[in-house]
C-alpha atoms as a PDB file:
ATOM      1  CA  MET A   1      11.907 -19.685  43.915  1.00  0.00           C
ATOM      2  CA  TYR A   2       9.057 -19.635  46.422  1.00  0.00           C
ATOM      3  CA  MET A   3       6.236 -22.170  46.385  1.00  0.00           C
ATOM      4  CA  ARG A   4       2.962 -22.722  48.200  1.00  0.00           C
ATOM      5  CA  CYS A   5       0.746 -25.798  47.837  1.00  0.00           C
ATOM      6  CA  MET A   6      -2.974 -25.208  48.369  1.00  0.00           C
ATOM      7  CA  PRO A   7      -5.331 -28.209  48.355  1.00  0.00           C
ATOM      8  CA  VAL A   8      -8.587 -26.903  46.838  1.00  0.00           C
ATOM      9  CA  GLY A   9     -12.021 -28.097  45.836  1.00  0.00           C
ATOM     10  CA  PRO A  10     -14.051 -31.128  46.906  1.00  0.00           C
ATOM     11  CA  LEU A  11     -11.254 -33.561  46.022  1.00  0.00           C
ATOM     12  CA  GLN A  12      -8.569 -31.371  47.640  1.00  0.00           C
ATOM     13  CA  ALA A  13      -6.428 -31.324  44.504  1.00  0.00           C
ATOM     14  CA  ASN A  14      -3.101 -29.550  44.844  1.00  0.00           C
ATOM     15  CA  CYS A  15      -2.910 -26.053  43.411  1.00  0.00           C
ATOM     16  CA  TYR A  16       0.664 -24.777  43.371  1.00  0.00           C
ATOM     17  CA  LEU A  17       1.662 -21.126  43.516  1.00  0.00           C
ATOM     18  CA  ILE A  18       5.248 -20.417  42.460  1.00  0.00           C
ATOM     19  CA  TRP A  19       6.888 -16.996  42.460  1.00  0.00           C
ATOM     20  CA  ASP A  20      10.269 -15.297  42.327  1.00  0.00           C
ATOM     21  CA  GLU A  21      11.990 -12.657  44.454  1.00  0.00           C
ATOM     22  CA  ASP A  22      10.287  -9.923  42.448  1.00  0.00           C
ATOM     23  CA  LEU A  23       6.897 -11.381  43.434  1.00  0.00           C
ATOM     24  CA  ARG A  24       5.958 -12.450  39.926  1.00  0.00           C
ATOM     25  CA  GLY A  25       4.593 -15.943  39.604  1.00  0.00           C
ATOM     26  CA  CYS A  26       2.274 -18.585  38.234  1.00  0.00           C
ATOM     27  CA  ALA A  27      -0.411 -20.977  39.440  1.00  0.00           C
ATOM     28  CA  VAL A  28      -0.515 -24.646  38.477  1.00  0.00           C
ATOM     29  CA  ASP A  29      -3.946 -26.330  38.396  1.00  0.00           C
ATOM     30  CA  PRO A  30      -6.314 -23.997  40.267  1.00  0.00           C
ATOM     31  CA  GLY A  31      -8.953 -26.688  40.673  1.00  0.00           C
ATOM     32  CA  GLY A  32     -11.370 -24.665  42.796  1.00  0.00           C
ATOM     33  CA  GLU A  33     -11.757 -21.864  45.326  1.00  0.00           C
ATOM     34  CA  PRO A  34     -10.367 -19.140  43.037  1.00  0.00           C
ATOM     35  CA  ALA A  35     -11.262 -16.363  45.494  1.00  0.00           C
ATOM     36  CA  ARG A  36      -9.192 -18.064  48.200  1.00  0.00           C
ATOM     37  CA  ILE A  37      -6.248 -18.459  45.820  1.00  0.00           C
ATOM     38  CA  ALA A  38      -6.513 -14.824  44.717  1.00  0.00           C
ATOM     39  CA  ALA A  39      -6.664 -13.688  48.355  1.00  0.00           C
ATOM     40  CA  LEU A  40      -3.433 -15.531  49.156  1.00  0.00           C
ATOM     41  CA  LEU A  41      -1.717 -14.000  46.135  1.00  0.00           C
ATOM     42  CA  GLU A  42      -2.832 -10.552  47.277  1.00  0.00           C
ATOM     43  CA  LYS A  43      -1.650 -11.225  50.826  1.00  0.00           C
ATOM     44  CA  GLU A  44       1.789 -12.276  49.550  1.00  0.00           C
ATOM     45  CA  GLY A  45       1.889  -9.373  47.095  1.00  0.00           C
ATOM     46  CA  VAL A  46       2.363 -11.718  44.135  1.00  0.00           C
ATOM     47  CA  THR A  47       1.461 -10.647  40.607  1.00  0.00           C
ATOM     48  CA  LEU A  48       0.167 -13.695  38.735  1.00  0.00           C
ATOM     49  CA  GLU A  49       1.602 -13.866  35.211  1.00  0.00           C
ATOM     50  CA  ALA A  50       0.418 -17.332  34.147  1.00  0.00           C
ATOM     51  CA  ILE A  51      -2.102 -20.035  34.973  1.00  0.00           C
ATOM     52  CA  LEU A  52      -0.738 -23.447  33.945  1.00  0.00           C
ATOM     53  CA  VAL A  53      -3.108 -26.378  33.441  1.00  0.00           C
ATOM     54  CA  THR A  54      -1.798 -29.955  33.453  1.00  0.00           C
ATOM     55  CA  HIS A  55      -5.017 -31.597  32.189  1.00  0.00           C
ATOM     56  CA  GLY A  56      -8.730 -31.034  31.798  1.00  0.00           C
ATOM     57  CA  HIS A  57     -10.317 -32.870  34.727  1.00  0.00           C
ATOM     58  CA  PHE A  58     -12.640 -30.728  36.831  1.00  0.00           C
ATOM     59  CA  ASP A  59     -10.650 -31.001  40.053  1.00  0.00           C
ATOM     60  CA  HIS A  60      -7.723 -29.314  38.298  1.00  0.00           C
ATOM     61  CA  VAL A  61      -9.548 -26.659  36.260  1.00  0.00           C
ATOM     62  CA  ASP A  62     -12.728 -25.689  38.120  1.00  0.00           C
ATOM     63  CA  GLY A  63     -11.117 -22.501  39.429  1.00  0.00           C
ATOM     64  CA  VAL A  64      -9.305 -21.465  36.246  1.00  0.00           C
ATOM     65  CA  GLN A  65     -11.958 -19.084  34.961  1.00  0.00           C
ATOM     66  CA  GLY A  66     -12.402 -17.435  38.362  1.00  0.00           C
ATOM     67  CA  LEU A  67      -8.675 -16.981  38.942  1.00  0.00           C
ATOM     68  CA  HIS A  68      -8.232 -15.587  35.440  1.00  0.00           C
ATOM     69  CA  HIS A  69     -11.069 -13.136  36.086  1.00  0.00           C
ATOM     70  CA  ALA A  70      -9.471 -12.062  39.384  1.00  0.00           C
ATOM     71  CA  THR A  71      -5.925 -11.639  38.055  1.00  0.00           C
ATOM     72  CA  SER A  72      -6.135 -11.334  34.231  1.00  0.00           C
ATOM     73  CA  ALA A  73      -3.313 -13.900  34.035  1.00  0.00           C
ATOM     74  CA  PRO A  74      -3.229 -15.800  30.736  1.00  0.00           C
ATOM     75  CA  VAL A  75      -4.095 -19.495  30.804  1.00  0.00           C
ATOM     76  CA  TYR A  76      -1.786 -22.105  29.256  1.00  0.00           C
ATOM     77  CA  CYS A  77      -2.845 -25.659  28.408  1.00  0.00           C
ATOM     78  CA  SER A  78      -2.539 -28.349  25.755  1.00  0.00           C
ATOM     79  CA  ARG A  79      -4.864 -28.266  22.741  1.00  0.00           C
ATOM     80  CA  PRO A  80      -7.147 -31.096  23.982  1.00  0.00           C
ATOM     81  CA  VAL A  81      -7.959 -29.081  27.109  1.00  0.00           C
ATOM     82  CA  VAL A  82      -9.182 -25.969  25.241  1.00  0.00           C
ATOM     83  CA  PRO A  83     -12.712 -27.315  24.549  1.00  0.00           C
ATOM     84  CA  VAL A  84     -13.171 -28.082  28.258  1.00  0.00           C
ATOM     85  CA  LEU A  85     -12.005 -24.650  29.426  1.00  0.00           C
ATOM     86  CA  SER A  86     -14.033 -22.830  26.758  1.00  0.00           C
ATOM     87  CA  GLY A  87     -17.236 -24.761  27.477  1.00  0.00           C
ATOM     88  CA  VAL A  88     -17.427 -26.571  24.137  1.00  0.00           C
ATOM     89  CA  GLU A  89     -16.963 -29.970  25.813  1.00  0.00           C
ATOM     90  CA  ASP A  90     -17.771 -31.217  29.295  1.00  0.00           C
ATOM     91  CA  CYS A  91     -15.110 -32.690  31.569  1.00  0.00           C
ATOM     92  CA  ASP A  92     -14.701 -36.282  30.388  1.00  0.00           C
ATOM     93  CA  ALA A  93     -14.223 -37.570  33.947  1.00  0.00           C
ATOM     94  CA  THR A  94     -17.653 -36.395  35.120  1.00  0.00           C
ATOM     95  CA  GLY A  95     -19.700 -35.349  32.087  1.00  0.00           C
ATOM     96  CA  TYR A  96     -20.236 -31.925  33.653  1.00  0.00           C
ATOM     97  CA  PRO A  97     -18.975 -28.545  32.403  1.00  0.00           C
ATOM     98  CA  VAL A  98     -16.496 -26.305  34.195  1.00  0.00           C
ATOM     99  CA  PRO A  99     -16.835 -22.495  34.320  1.00  0.00           C
ATOM    100  CA  ALA A 100     -16.162 -21.447  30.736  1.00  0.00           C
ATOM    101  CA  MET A 101     -13.784 -18.754  29.556  1.00  0.00           C
ATOM    102  CA  LEU A 102     -13.341 -17.047  26.218  1.00  0.00           C
ATOM    103  CA  PRO A 103     -11.177 -19.206  23.941  1.00  0.00           C
ATOM    104  CA  GLU A 104      -9.090 -16.194  22.898  1.00  0.00           C
ATOM    105  CA  ARG A 105      -7.871 -15.917  26.503  1.00  0.00           C
ATOM    106  CA  ILE A 106      -6.405 -19.435  26.342  1.00  0.00           C
ATOM    107  CA  LYS A 107      -2.871 -20.018  25.058  1.00  0.00           C
ATOM    108  CA  VAL A 108      -2.104 -23.462  23.624  1.00  0.00           C
ATOM    109  CA  VAL A 109       1.290 -24.943  24.487  1.00  0.00           C
ATOM    110  CA  GLY A 110       2.953 -28.126  23.313  1.00  0.00           C
ATOM    111  CA  ASP A 111       5.937 -30.285  24.031  1.00  0.00           C
ATOM    112  CA  GLY A 112       9.168 -28.290  24.187  1.00  0.00           C
ATOM    113  CA  ASP A 113       7.524 -24.883  24.507  1.00  0.00           C
ATOM    114  CA  LEU A 114       8.840 -22.352  27.004  1.00  0.00           C
ATOM    115  CA  VAL A 115       6.766 -19.909  29.044  1.00  0.00           C
ATOM    116  CA  LYS A 116       8.439 -16.922  30.666  1.00  0.00           C
ATOM    117  CA  VAL A 117       7.189 -16.122  34.173  1.00  0.00           C
ATOM    118  CA  GLY A 118       9.042 -13.432  36.078  1.00  0.00           C
ATOM    119  CA  SER A 119      12.692 -14.385  36.299  1.00  0.00           C
ATOM    120  CA  PHE A 120      12.187 -18.087  35.569  1.00  0.00           C
ATOM    121  CA  THR A 121      11.334 -20.092  32.484  1.00  0.00           C
ATOM    122  CA  VAL A 122       8.709 -22.819  32.493  1.00  0.00           C
ATOM    123  CA  SER A 123       9.484 -25.827  30.282  1.00  0.00           C
ATOM    124  CA  VAL A 124       6.470 -27.660  28.861  1.00  0.00           C
ATOM    125  CA  ILE A 125       6.692 -31.461  28.592  1.00  0.00           C
ATOM    126  CA  SER A 126       4.014 -33.625  27.000  1.00  0.00           C
ATOM    127  CA  THR A 127       3.262 -36.546  29.349  1.00  0.00           C
ATOM    128  CA  PRO A 128       0.097 -38.314  28.149  1.00  0.00           C
ATOM    129  CA  GLY A 129      -1.367 -41.320  29.892  1.00  0.00           C
ATOM    130  CA  HIS A 130      -3.827 -40.165  32.548  1.00  0.00           C
ATOM    131  CA  THR A 131      -5.424 -38.156  29.733  1.00  0.00           C
ATOM    132  CA  PRO A 132      -4.227 -37.645  26.141  1.00  0.00           C
ATOM    133  CA  GLY A 133      -3.449 -33.959  26.723  1.00  0.00           C
ATOM    134  CA  ASP A 134      -1.469 -34.205  29.943  1.00  0.00           C
ATOM    135  CA  MET A 135       1.367 -31.736  30.420  1.00  0.00           C
ATOM    136  CA  THR A 136       4.153 -31.610  32.994  1.00  0.00           C
ATOM    137  CA  TYR A 137       5.735 -28.236  33.774  1.00  0.00           C
ATOM    138  CA  GLU A 138       9.377 -27.982  34.829  1.00  0.00           C
ATOM    139  CA  ILE A 139      10.060 -24.882  36.905  1.00  0.00           C
ATOM    140  CA  GLY A 140      13.411 -24.294  38.565  1.00  0.00           C
ATOM    141  CA  GLY A 141      14.274 -27.988  38.555  1.00  0.00           C
ATOM    142  CA  HIS A 142      10.898 -29.016  40.005  1.00  0.00           C
ATOM    143  CA  LEU A 143       8.298 -31.063  38.098  1.00  0.00           C
ATOM    144  CA  PHE A 144       4.579 -30.289  38.365  1.00  0.00           C
ATOM    145  CA  CYS A 145       2.948 -33.325  36.801  1.00  0.00           C
ATOM    146  CA  GLY A 146      -0.766 -33.232  37.618  1.00  0.00           C
ATOM    147  CA  ASP A 147      -2.104 -36.786  37.907  1.00  0.00           C
ATOM    148  CA  LEU A 148       0.672 -38.543  36.011  1.00  0.00           C
ATOM    149  CA  LEU A 149       2.640 -39.739  39.043  1.00  0.00           C
ATOM    150  CA  PHE A 150       1.909 -39.820  42.759  1.00  0.00           C
ATOM    151  CA  HIS A 151       3.792 -40.810  45.883  1.00  0.00           C
ATOM    152  CA  GLY A 152       3.480 -44.603  45.713  1.00  0.00           C
ATOM    153  CA  SER A 153       0.989 -44.618  42.857  1.00  0.00           C
ATOM    154  CA  VAL A 154       0.144 -43.325  39.376  1.00  0.00           C
ATOM    155  CA  GLY A 155      -2.831 -41.621  37.777  1.00  0.00           C
ATOM    156  CA  ARG A 156      -5.980 -43.490  36.854  1.00  0.00           C
ATOM    157  CA  THR A 157      -6.258 -44.581  33.225  1.00  0.00           C
ATOM    158  CA  ASP A 158      -9.865 -45.822  33.243  1.00  0.00           C
ATOM    159  CA  PHE A 159     -11.306 -42.447  32.208  1.00  0.00           C
ATOM    160  CA  PRO A 160     -11.908 -41.754  28.486  1.00  0.00           C
ATOM    161  CA  GLY A 161      -8.551 -41.384  26.721  1.00  0.00           C
ATOM    162  CA  GLY A 162      -6.548 -42.968  29.528  1.00  0.00           C
ATOM    163  CA  ASP A 163      -3.679 -45.221  28.457  1.00  0.00           C
ATOM    164  CA  PHE A 164      -1.546 -47.017  31.039  1.00  0.00           C
ATOM    165  CA  SER A 165       1.211 -47.889  28.552  1.00  0.00           C
ATOM    166  CA  ALA A 166       1.436 -44.250  27.504  1.00  0.00           C
ATOM    167  CA  LEU A 167       1.554 -43.201  31.156  1.00  0.00           C
ATOM    168  CA  LEU A 168       4.514 -45.500  31.817  1.00  0.00           C
ATOM    169  CA  ARG A 169       6.292 -44.131  28.746  1.00  0.00           C
ATOM    170  CA  SER A 170       5.757 -40.609  30.034  1.00  0.00           C
ATOM    171  CA  VAL A 171       7.171 -41.472  33.460  1.00  0.00           C
ATOM    172  CA  SER A 172      10.097 -43.204  31.760  1.00  0.00           C
ATOM    173  CA  ARG A 173      10.750 -40.103  29.718  1.00  0.00           C
ATOM    174  CA  LEU A 174      10.885 -37.896  32.808  1.00  0.00           C
ATOM    175  CA  ALA A 175      13.096 -40.399  34.635  1.00  0.00           C
ATOM    176  CA  GLY A 176      15.514 -40.401  31.720  1.00  0.00           C
ATOM    177  CA  ALA A 177      15.619 -36.618  31.406  1.00  0.00           C
ATOM    178  CA  PHE A 178      15.960 -35.530  35.037  1.00  0.00           C
ATOM    179  CA  PRO A 179      18.151 -36.582  37.999  1.00  0.00           C
ATOM    180  CA  SER A 180      16.718 -38.995  40.537  1.00  0.00           C
ATOM    181  CA  SER A 181      16.737 -36.207  43.135  1.00  0.00           C
ATOM    182  CA  THR A 182      14.325 -34.087  41.082  1.00  0.00           C
ATOM    183  CA  PRO A 183      11.304 -33.050  43.170  1.00  0.00           C
ATOM    184  CA  VAL A 184       7.937 -34.150  41.783  1.00  0.00           C
ATOM    185  CA  HIS A 185       4.833 -32.230  42.843  1.00  0.00           C
ATOM    186  CA  PRO A 186       1.694 -34.227  41.998  1.00  0.00           C
ATOM    187  CA  GLY A 187      -1.934 -33.204  41.737  1.00  0.00           C
ATOM    188  CA  HIS A 188      -2.852 -35.056  44.934  1.00  0.00           C
ATOM    189  CA  MET A 189      -1.056 -36.097  48.104  1.00  0.00           C
ATOM    190  CA  GLN A 190       2.483 -35.170  49.096  1.00  0.00           C
ATOM    191  CA  SER A 191       5.479 -34.344  46.950  1.00  0.00           C
ATOM    192  CA  THR A 192       8.110 -36.941  46.145  1.00  0.00           C
ATOM    193  CA  THR A 193      11.175 -37.410  43.920  1.00  0.00           C
ATOM    194  CA  ILE A 194      11.828 -39.364  40.754  1.00  0.00           C
ATOM    195  CA  GLY A 195      14.291 -41.607  42.572  1.00  0.00           C
ATOM    196  CA  GLU A 196      11.874 -42.346  45.412  1.00  0.00           C
ATOM    197  CA  GLU A 197       9.207 -43.494  42.959  1.00  0.00           C
ATOM    198  CA  LEU A 198      11.564 -45.558  40.815  1.00  0.00           C
ATOM    199  CA  ALA A 199      12.764 -47.338  43.944  1.00  0.00           C
ATOM    200  CA  HIS A 200       9.477 -47.914  45.758  1.00  0.00           C
ATOM    201  CA  ASN A 201       6.432 -47.233  43.561  1.00  0.00           C
ATOM    202  CA  PRO A 202       4.871 -50.659  42.830  1.00  0.00           C
ATOM    203  CA  PHE A 203       3.448 -49.453  39.506  1.00  0.00           C
ATOM    204  CA  LEU A 204       6.953 -48.631  38.203  1.00  0.00           C
ATOM    205  CA  GLN A 205       8.794 -51.810  39.071  1.00  0.00           C
ATOM    206  CA  GLY A 206      10.810 -52.976  36.067  1.00  0.00           C
ATOM    207  CA  LEU A 207      10.246 -49.700  34.233  1.00  0.00           C
ATOM    208  CA  GLU A 208      12.758 -49.173  31.430  1.00  0.00           C
ATOM    209  CA  ILE A 209      14.138 -45.664  31.526  1.00  0.00           C
ATOM    210  CA  ASP A 210      13.891 -43.679  28.296  1.00  0.00           C
ATOM    211  CA  GLY A 211      17.358 -42.244  27.699  1.00  0.00           C
END
């Protein structure tokens, strides 16, 4: 598995590009600069087979429509994110719309679903807390969790729908399901591991592990 992290947009949110040896791959959270992302994919010779969205905040979805237009890759997200991507609702973090796409081009996924991308399978895990529709994607033993968990911190829960207790339950669920060495790739800042955050993240001290 090959991976490239591209900070994009005004908040420099992490967009991840993951592909296999056959140069078939996916993008996680193209939050802006879709032309730049598409240019890198073309340079690497990667065929994009899926665009995976962790949640509906603008810094994670502002480039979805543009990247879909450039690559024709289907877009996968949780049901609560569909109105934001299709232009029915504005982003709840800002009150502003994101570039809208046709709803029939959006594929809804839920907890436990699997998405086939090239030679690997993406596992979909519901991890609400930062927003009600948050998803984490497990790809090749790596977790792409959006704004659920950061290096030394966790996602904000003061936006509409945020729930700190739910966020802790979601982190606990991941910690109980995956080894402590599991890499975690967040929506901002550097990557970390489950074990590193359980040991040192001040927001997780005393967390009871689910499972």
